[in-house]
Amino acid sequence: MFAFSSIGSLRNINVTSSFHFTRGRCYTFQSLNQSESFSPTSGFFFFLRHNQVKEASDYSYSNSPGYQLYLHGPNEVLTYSNSEGSSFIEYLDLDSSEEMSVKFEIQQFQIHPSSDEDCVPDEHYSKSKCEDYCIGQAIVNITNCTVPWLRLPPNMSFAECDDYLSVRNSIQYYINRGMRRIYLEQCNCRKPCEFTIYKSYIINRKPVDSILEPSCSIYIYCTNLIFRMTEVLSYDSNQLLSDIGGSLGFLLGLSVISLICIIEQVFRITFKIFFKRKVKKELKAQEIQSTKNEENDIIKNNIISDKKIDNEEEHIYSNLKNFVVDYNDFQKNSYCEYSPNENQNQKYVK
């Protein structure tokens, strides 16, 4: 007898069965509805009756009759050898004559697919199912028949093995670890990017009344603590574009400032060259003028020194050239005085 959220109906729970090589027939119970509270009555309840009674000598739970309960996700399946990280590594051992209360917490992990972490980003993907399909397909391709514990893809169908040799070969290929490793390497079943771990805690465990032996019951419910860890990119394409834009803006600002500095320096050099040429021209003109003045003074001095005056008092010159020189010198060193009462005559005063 079973129930979920205090409702015992197949409309509330989906039940499926599968056959396994070492564990026999297993049943999977999956709730079809969601519980609205976190309490023992809001989870799963199972009342199971075994065909063997626990003896006093069965002090070990591994040897006593009972049940093994696994908490796993809806996409995971029980395989012959469960890999690391599978939900079937840990299980609850329920004795045939005891009552148990179990709570579990959910731990969800999501990793980002990358070159270092090769995973499948599909929430419906199951690595255990991929490995089981891979091994089953490899074995039936060799034996050309199947056995009840081989799980095949839905699109494959083979007849069951009906002779001893085929069944023996199927068992040998199935339990041989070396062959299984070769099959799995050929299939390359990657791990999922998102997986869930159900961590169980036993709250209460006690024997049932003697009148109920060899029956047992168990309550399984979820706590309100859900742990979720998600891996995200610390440096994605958006941040890369943002950094590129910021760098381009910074470089563009530096380019504008540098351009202004270059233009300022060009103008400064241009004006400096212009004024330097202007000053050089002025200095050259002054130098030429000074040279000309010096030459004129030299010529004048030479002429004055070479002139001959026959009579200094009467200013009688031996040649006209000497007279012209003295006359020009007289004009430069004299001024004109005008007297209106002397018949409009001009008088030159030395």
Protein backbone atom coordinates (compact mmCIF):
# COMPACT_ATOMS: atom_id res chain seq x y z
CA MET A 1 0.00 0.00 0.00
CA PHE A 2 1.30 3.43 -0.85
CA ALA A 3 0.17 7.04 -0.84
CA PHE A 4 1.42 10.53 -1.58
CA SER A 5 0.27 13.63 0.27
CA SER A 6 -2.25 11.46 2.16
CA ILE A 7 -3.86 10.34 -1.11
CA GLY A 8 -3.48 6.67 -2.06
CA SER A 9 -4.44 6.53 -5.70
CA LEU A 10 -2.78 5.65 -8.99
CA ARG A 11 -3.98 9.01 -10.27
CA ASN A 12 -1.63 10.58 -7.73
CA ILE A 13 1.37 8.24 -8.16
CA ASN A 14 2.88 6.69 -11.28
CA VAL A 15 4.29 3.17 -10.73
CA THR A 16 6.74 1.48 -13.12
CA SER A 17 8.78 -1.70 -12.75
CA SER A 18 12.10 -2.95 -14.13
CA PHE A 19 14.15 -6.13 -13.81
CA HIS A 20 17.81 -6.03 -12.76
CA PHE A 21 20.52 -8.67 -12.81
CA THR A 22 21.60 -8.49 -9.15
CA ARG A 23 18.60 -6.82 -7.46
CA GLY A 24 15.72 -8.55 -9.18
CA ARG A 25 12.52 -6.61 -9.81
CA CYS A 26 12.43 -2.97 -8.75
CA TYR A 27 9.52 -0.54 -8.62
CA THR A 28 9.71 3.19 -9.21
CA PHE A 29 7.15 5.53 -7.63
CA GLN A 30 6.81 9.02 -9.03
CA SER A 31 4.32 11.58 -7.78
CA LEU A 32 2.07 13.18 -10.37
CA ASN A 33 1.10 16.15 -8.18
CA GLN A 34 2.97 18.59 -6.00
CA SER A 35 2.66 18.73 -2.25
CA GLU A 36 1.67 22.03 -0.64
CA SER A 37 3.40 21.55 2.73
CA PHE A 38 6.53 20.10 4.30
CA SER A 39 5.49 17.40 6.78
CA PRO A 40 5.47 13.59 7.07
CA THR A 41 1.86 13.45 5.90
CA SER A 42 2.62 15.51 2.79
CA GLY A 43 5.23 13.11 1.38
CA PHE A 44 5.31 9.44 0.40
CA PHE A 45 3.97 6.70 2.62
CA PHE A 46 4.61 2.99 1.99
CA PHE A 47 3.18 0.04 3.88
CA LEU A 48 4.98 -3.08 2.69
CA ARG A 49 4.57 -6.73 3.69
CA HIS A 50 7.47 -9.11 3.33
CA ASN A 51 7.30 -12.91 3.09
CA GLN A 52 10.14 -13.43 5.58
CA VAL A 53 10.26 -12.57 9.26
CA LYS A 54 13.43 -11.13 10.74
CA GLU A 55 15.10 -13.61 13.04
CA ALA A 56 16.99 -12.75 16.22
CA SER A 57 20.24 -13.82 14.56
CA ASP A 58 19.78 -11.23 11.79
CA TYR A 59 21.49 -8.45 13.70
CA SER A 60 22.95 -6.96 10.53
CA TYR A 61 20.68 -4.91 8.28
CA SER A 62 22.57 -6.09 5.21
CA ASN A 63 21.64 -9.73 5.88
CA SER A 64 18.13 -9.26 7.24
CA PRO A 65 15.10 -9.43 4.90
CA GLY A 66 13.76 -6.09 3.83
CA TYR A 67 13.87 -3.46 1.13
CA GLN A 68 16.38 -1.06 -0.40
CA LEU A 69 15.03 2.38 -1.20
CA TYR A 70 16.76 4.84 -3.55
CA LEU A 71 15.91 8.51 -3.88
CA HIS A 72 16.70 9.65 -7.42
CA GLY A 73 15.57 11.95 -10.19
CA PRO A 74 12.92 10.99 -12.75
CA ASN A 75 15.46 10.60 -15.57
CA GLU A 76 17.96 8.39 -13.74
CA VAL A 77 17.89 4.60 -13.86
CA LEU A 78 19.49 1.91 -11.72
CA THR A 79 22.45 0.26 -13.49
CA TYR A 80 24.70 -2.71 -12.72
CA SER A 81 27.66 -0.53 -11.68
CA ASN A 82 26.73 3.01 -10.75
CA SER A 83 29.27 5.69 -11.57
CA GLU A 84 30.48 8.36 -9.19
CA GLY A 85 27.93 11.09 -8.60
CA SER A 86 24.97 8.77 -9.21
CA SER A 87 21.93 8.87 -6.92
CA PHE A 88 22.07 5.08 -6.53
CA ILE A 89 25.31 4.96 -4.55
CA GLU A 90 23.48 5.60 -1.26
CA TYR A 91 20.22 3.94 -0.33
CA LEU A 92 17.88 3.38 2.63
CA ASP A 93 17.76 -0.13 4.09
CA LEU A 94 14.27 -0.82 5.44
CA ASP A 95 13.94 -3.92 7.59
CA SER A 96 10.93 -6.18 7.15
CA SER A 97 9.62 -5.47 10.65
CA GLU A 98 10.29 -1.83 11.38
CA GLU A 99 8.85 1.62 10.97
CA MET A 100 10.95 4.48 9.63
CA SER A 101 10.57 8.21 9.05
CA VAL A 102 12.95 9.87 6.58
CA LYS A 103 13.32 13.44 5.46
CA PHE A 104 15.45 14.54 2.55
CA GLU A 105 16.79 17.82 1.23
CA ILE A 106 17.35 18.72 -2.40
CA GLN A 107 20.73 19.85 -3.68
CA GLN A 108 20.74 21.12 -7.26
CA PHE A 109 23.91 21.82 -9.21
CA GLN A 110 24.22 23.45 -12.60
CA ILE A 111 27.53 23.84 -14.42
CA HIS A 112 28.28 25.79 -17.55
CA PRO A 113 29.39 23.76 -20.60
CA SER A 114 32.92 24.59 -21.69
CA SER A 115 36.09 22.99 -23.01
CA ASP A 116 37.06 22.03 -19.46
CA GLU A 117 33.58 20.82 -18.46
CA ASP A 118 32.08 18.81 -21.31
CA CYS A 119 28.44 18.28 -20.38
CA VAL A 120 24.99 18.05 -21.97
CA PRO A 121 22.78 21.13 -21.34
CA ASP A 122 19.53 19.14 -21.52
CA GLU A 123 17.40 18.79 -18.40
CA HIS A 124 15.91 15.51 -19.70
CA TYR A 125 19.29 13.92 -20.42
CA SER A 126 20.42 11.01 -18.22
CA LYS A 127 23.97 9.70 -18.14
CA SER A 128 22.95 6.45 -16.41
CA LYS A 129 20.32 5.78 -19.06
CA CYS A 130 22.82 6.54 -21.83
CA GLU A 131 25.32 4.07 -20.34
CA ASP A 132 22.65 1.40 -19.88
CA TYR A 133 21.44 1.80 -23.46
CA CYS A 134 25.02 1.71 -24.71
CA ILE A 135 25.93 -1.54 -22.95
CA GLY A 136 22.65 -3.23 -23.84
CA GLN A 137 22.97 -2.28 -27.52
CA ALA A 138 26.58 -3.53 -27.68
CA ILE A 139 25.67 -6.91 -26.11
CA VAL A 140 22.61 -7.61 -28.28
CA ASN A 141 24.66 -6.78 -31.38
CA ILE A 142 27.01 -9.63 -30.39
CA THR A 143 24.49 -12.21 -29.14
CA ASN A 144 21.68 -11.16 -31.51
CA CYS A 145 19.20 -11.61 -28.66
CA THR A 146 18.24 -9.93 -25.40
CA VAL A 147 17.68 -10.85 -21.76
CA PRO A 148 15.27 -9.24 -19.24
CA TRP A 149 17.93 -7.12 -17.48
CA LEU A 150 19.24 -5.47 -20.66
CA ARG A 151 17.78 -2.03 -21.31
CA LEU A 152 17.56 -1.11 -25.01
CA PRO A 153 16.67 2.16 -26.76
CA PRO A 154 12.99 2.48 -27.67
CA ASN A 155 13.75 2.16 -31.39
CA MET A 156 15.44 -1.25 -31.00
CA SER A 157 13.77 -4.63 -30.54
CA PHE A 158 15.36 -8.09 -30.31
CA ALA A 159 14.00 -11.51 -29.48
CA GLU A 160 14.79 -12.96 -26.05
CA CYS A 161 17.61 -15.47 -25.80
CA ASP A 162 16.20 -19.03 -25.75
CA ASP A 163 19.36 -21.11 -25.40
CA TYR A 164 21.96 -21.62 -22.71
CA LEU A 165 24.93 -20.38 -24.72
CA SER A 166 23.33 -17.03 -25.61
CA VAL A 167 22.22 -16.38 -22.01
CA ARG A 168 25.69 -17.29 -20.70
CA ASN A 169 27.39 -14.97 -23.17
CA SER A 170 24.99 -12.16 -22.30
CA ILE A 171 25.78 -12.58 -18.60
CA GLN A 172 29.54 -12.66 -19.19
CA TYR A 173 29.52 -9.58 -21.39
CA TYR A 174 27.27 -7.78 -18.92
CA ILE A 175 29.30 -8.36 -15.73
CA ASN A 176 32.76 -8.17 -17.32
CA ARG A 177 34.23 -4.83 -16.20
CA GLY A 178 36.77 -4.70 -19.00
CA MET A 179 34.09 -5.15 -21.65
CA ARG A 180 31.84 -2.59 -19.98
CA ARG A 181 34.71 -0.07 -19.97
CA ILE A 182 35.26 -0.63 -23.69
CA TYR A 183 31.55 -0.20 -24.44
CA LEU A 184 31.34 3.02 -22.44
CA GLU A 185 34.43 4.47 -24.13
CA GLN A 186 32.85 3.87 -27.52
CA CYS A 187 29.56 5.50 -26.53
CA ASN A 188 31.13 8.53 -24.79
CA CYS A 189 28.21 9.25 -22.47
CA ARG A 190 28.82 12.73 -21.11
CA LYS A 191 27.64 13.97 -17.76
CA PRO A 192 24.62 16.31 -17.54
CA CYS A 193 25.12 20.02 -16.92
CA GLU A 194 22.31 20.00 -14.36
CA PHE A 195 21.89 17.27 -11.77
CA THR A 196 20.11 16.86 -8.45
CA ILE A 197 21.23 15.08 -5.30
CA TYR A 198 18.70 13.92 -2.70
CA LYS A 199 20.30 13.87 0.74
CA SER A 200 18.30 11.70 3.17
CA TYR A 201 18.21 11.81 6.98
CA ILE A 202 16.60 9.17 9.18
CA ILE A 203 14.39 10.90 11.76
CA ASN A 204 12.81 7.90 13.45
CA ARG A 205 13.40 4.19 13.32
CA LYS A 206 11.71 1.58 15.52
CA PRO A 207 10.32 -1.97 15.33
CA VAL A 208 6.68 -2.49 14.49
CA ASP A 209 4.22 -4.29 16.70
CA SER A 210 4.50 -8.05 16.68
CA ILE A 211 1.05 -8.44 15.20
CA LEU A 212 2.18 -6.49 12.10
CA GLU A 213 5.26 -8.60 11.41
CA PRO A 214 6.68 -9.04 8.81
CA SER A 215 5.19 -5.76 7.64
CA CYS A 216 7.04 -2.45 7.55
CA SER A 217 6.20 1.17 6.86
CA ILE A 218 8.13 4.29 5.93
CA TYR A 219 7.38 8.00 5.65
CA ILE A 220 9.46 10.00 3.19
CA TYR A 221 9.01 13.75 2.95
CA CYS A 222 10.97 16.75 1.75
CA THR A 223 12.25 19.64 3.85
CA ASN A 224 11.83 23.28 2.93
CA LEU A 225 15.60 23.64 2.55
CA ILE A 226 16.64 23.54 -1.10
CA PHE A 227 20.28 24.15 -1.92
CA ARG A 228 21.07 25.34 -5.44
CA MET A 229 24.47 26.13 -6.90
CA THR A 230 24.74 27.58 -10.40
CA GLU A 231 27.93 28.14 -12.33
CA VAL A 232 27.96 31.27 -14.48
CA LEU A 233 30.55 32.89 -16.69
CA SER A 234 32.63 35.45 -14.84
CA TYR A 235 33.67 37.03 -18.14
CA ASP A 236 31.08 36.68 -20.89
CA SER A 237 30.69 38.28 -24.33
CA ASN A 238 28.67 41.22 -22.95
CA GLN A 239 31.43 42.15 -20.54
CA LEU A 240 33.99 41.73 -23.33
CA LEU A 241 32.09 44.15 -25.57
CA SER A 242 31.73 46.55 -22.65
CA ASP A 243 35.47 46.48 -22.00
CA ILE A 244 36.22 46.96 -25.70
CA GLY A 245 33.85 49.94 -25.86
CA GLY A 246 35.40 51.47 -22.76
CA SER A 247 38.90 51.01 -24.14
CA LEU A 248 37.92 52.51 -27.48
CA GLY A 249 36.31 55.48 -25.73
CA PHE A 250 39.40 55.98 -23.60
CA LEU A 251 41.70 55.77 -26.63
CA LEU A 252 39.43 58.10 -28.60
CA GLY A 253 39.57 60.64 -25.77
CA LEU A 254 43.35 60.38 -25.69
CA SER A 255 43.42 60.77 -29.49
CA VAL A 256 41.36 63.98 -29.33
CA ILE A 257 43.58 65.41 -26.59
CA SER A 258 46.69 64.39 -28.48
CA LEU A 259 45.32 65.93 -31.69
CA ILE A 260 44.68 69.24 -29.90
CA CYS A 261 48.20 69.17 -28.46
CA ILE A 262 49.64 68.44 -31.90
CA ILE A 263 47.69 71.30 -33.50
CA GLU A 264 48.79 73.65 -30.71
CA GLN A 265 52.39 72.61 -31.19
CA VAL A 266 52.14 73.10 -34.98
CA PHE A 267 50.78 76.62 -34.53
CA ARG A 268 53.45 77.40 -31.97
CA ILE A 269 56.23 76.22 -34.26
CA THR A 270 54.70 78.06 -37.24
CA PHE A 271 54.47 81.37 -35.37
CA LYS A 272 57.94 80.88 -33.98
CA ILE A 273 59.38 80.33 -37.44
CA PHE A 274 57.40 83.30 -38.84
CA PHE A 275 58.59 85.73 -36.17
CA LYS A 276 62.11 84.40 -36.36
CA ARG A 277 62.18 85.06 -40.10
CA LYS A 278 60.70 88.52 -39.59
CA VAL A 279 63.29 89.42 -36.98
CA LYS A 280 66.00 88.02 -39.19
CA LYS A 281 64.81 90.16 -42.11
CA GLU A 282 64.73 93.26 -39.92
CA LEU A 283 68.20 92.57 -38.58
CA LYS A 284 69.45 91.94 -42.08
CA ALA A 285 67.87 95.19 -43.31
CA GLN A 286 69.41 97.08 -40.41
CA GLU A 287 72.73 95.47 -41.12
CA ILE A 288 72.51 96.44 -44.80
CA GLN A 289 71.53 99.98 -43.90
CA SER A 290 74.34 100.21 -41.39
CA THR A 291 76.75 98.90 -43.99
CA LYS A 292 75.52 101.46 -46.49
CA ASN A 293 75.89 104.28 -43.93
CA GLU A 294 79.36 103.16 -43.11
CA GLU A 295 80.23 103.05 -46.79
CA ASN A 296 78.79 106.55 -47.31
CA ASP A 297 80.71 107.88 -44.34
CA ILE A 298 83.87 106.33 -45.65
CA ILE A 299 83.31 107.82 -49.11
CA LYS A 300 82.50 111.20 -47.60
CA ASN A 301 85.53 111.18 -45.40
CA ASN A 302 87.66 110.15 -48.30
CA ILE A 303 86.29 112.96 -50.46
CA ILE A 304 86.68 115.57 -47.73
CA SER A 305 90.15 114.44 -46.98
CA ASP A 306 91.08 114.53 -50.67
CA LYS A 307 89.59 117.95 -51.53
CA LYS A 308 91.89 120.92 -52.10
CA ILE A 309 90.88 124.50 -51.42
CA ASP A 310 92.97 127.16 -53.05
CA ASN A 311 91.68 130.01 -50.97
CA GLU A 312 89.96 129.18 -47.69
CA GLU A 313 88.66 132.71 -47.06
CA GLU A 314 87.16 133.21 -50.48
CA HIS A 315 86.18 129.53 -50.84
CA ILE A 316 87.88 129.15 -54.13
CA TYR A 317 88.02 125.44 -55.12
CA SER A 318 90.25 123.86 -57.58
CA ASN A 319 87.45 121.67 -58.93
CA LEU A 320 83.68 121.66 -58.98
CA LYS A 321 83.37 118.30 -57.26
CA ASN A 322 84.83 119.64 -54.04
CA PHE A 323 82.46 122.52 -54.10
CA VAL A 324 79.40 120.30 -54.48
CA VAL A 325 80.48 118.23 -51.51
CA ASP A 326 80.90 121.29 -49.32
CA TYR A 327 77.60 122.68 -50.49
CA ASN A 328 75.73 119.53 -49.62
CA ASP A 329 77.36 119.49 -46.25
CA PHE A 330 76.42 123.09 -45.75
CA GLN A 331 72.77 122.32 -46.50
CA LYS A 332 72.68 119.54 -43.92
CA ASN A 333 74.23 121.69 -41.17
CA SER A 334 72.32 124.92 -41.63
CA TYR A 335 68.79 126.27 -41.19
CA CYS A 336 66.85 128.89 -43.00
CA GLU A 337 65.75 132.15 -41.37
CA TYR A 338 63.14 134.26 -43.14
CA SER A 339 62.90 138.07 -42.73
CA PRO A 340 59.90 139.81 -44.35
CA ASN A 341 61.42 143.32 -43.99
CA GLU A 342 64.44 142.62 -46.12
CA ASN A 343 62.70 142.52 -49.50
CA GLN A 344 61.66 138.94 -49.16
CA ASN A 345 65.29 137.83 -49.24
CA GLN A 346 66.42 134.66 -47.58
CA LYS A 347 69.34 134.73 -45.27
CA TYR A 348 71.30 131.66 -44.56
CA VAL A 349 73.02 131.53 -41.28
CA LYS A 350 75.80 129.12 -40.52
